[in-house]
């Protein structure tokens, strides 16, 4: 999810499409939150770890 967010940020920046930029930021933030929760040992969506 983090990688997809970064790809969308780059594509949105290069093409000037603002919706891709926005979706990329959202995916990047959600992926980072899930990664942090998973690394702290919290179960995320029924999983013990998330990557």
Protein backbone atom coordinates (compact mmCIF):
# COMPACT_ATOMS: atom_id res chain seq x y z
CA UNK A 1 0.00 0.00 0.00
CA UNK A 2 2.88 2.34 0.74
CA UNK A 3 4.52 1.53 -2.59
CA UNK A 4 1.25 2.13 -4.46
CA UNK A 5 0.85 5.46 -2.68
CA UNK A 6 4.34 6.55 -3.72
CA UNK A 7 3.72 5.49 -7.33
CA UNK A 8 0.45 7.43 -7.45
CA UNK A 9 2.15 10.48 -5.95
CA UNK A 10 4.83 10.42 -8.62
CA UNK A 11 2.39 9.84 -11.49
CA UNK A 12 0.04 12.51 -10.18
CA UNK A 13 2.89 14.99 -9.86
CA UNK A 14 4.28 14.30 -13.32
CA UNK A 15 0.92 14.38 -15.12
CA UNK A 16 -0.66 17.15 -13.07
CA UNK A 17 -3.72 15.06 -12.15
CA UNK A 18 -4.66 16.20 -8.67
CA UNK A 19 -6.93 13.24 -7.83
CA UNK A 20 -3.97 10.85 -8.20
CA UNK A 21 -1.95 13.09 -5.89
CA UNK A 22 -4.75 13.01 -3.28
CA UNK A 23 -5.28 9.24 -3.49
CA UNK A 24 -1.52 8.71 -3.26
CA UNK A 25 -1.30 10.74 -0.05
CA UNK A 26 -4.23 8.85 1.47
CA UNK A 27 -2.75 5.44 0.58
CA UNK A 28 0.63 6.47 1.90
CA UNK A 29 -0.81 7.57 5.26
CA UNK A 30 -3.05 4.50 5.65
CA UNK A 31 -0.18 2.17 4.74
CA UNK A 32 2.12 3.87 7.25
CA UNK A 33 -0.50 3.61 10.02
CA UNK A 34 -1.10 -0.08 9.30
CA UNK A 35 2.64 -0.71 9.21
CA UNK A 36 3.17 1.02 12.56
CA UNK A 37 0.25 -0.81 14.20
CA UNK A 38 1.47 -4.15 12.86
CA UNK A 39 5.02 -3.56 14.05
CA UNK A 40 3.81 -2.68 17.55
CA UNK A 41 2.15 -6.09 17.83
CA UNK A 42 -1.48 -5.04 17.41
CA UNK A 43 -3.68 -7.31 15.35
CA UNK A 44 -4.59 -5.49 12.13
CA UNK A 45 -7.64 -6.87 10.28
CA UNK A 46 -7.31 -10.19 12.10
CA UNK A 47 -3.59 -10.52 11.38
CA UNK A 48 -0.83 -10.42 13.94
CA UNK A 49 1.50 -8.62 11.51
CA UNK A 50 1.04 -6.51 8.40
CA UNK A 51 3.45 -6.06 5.52
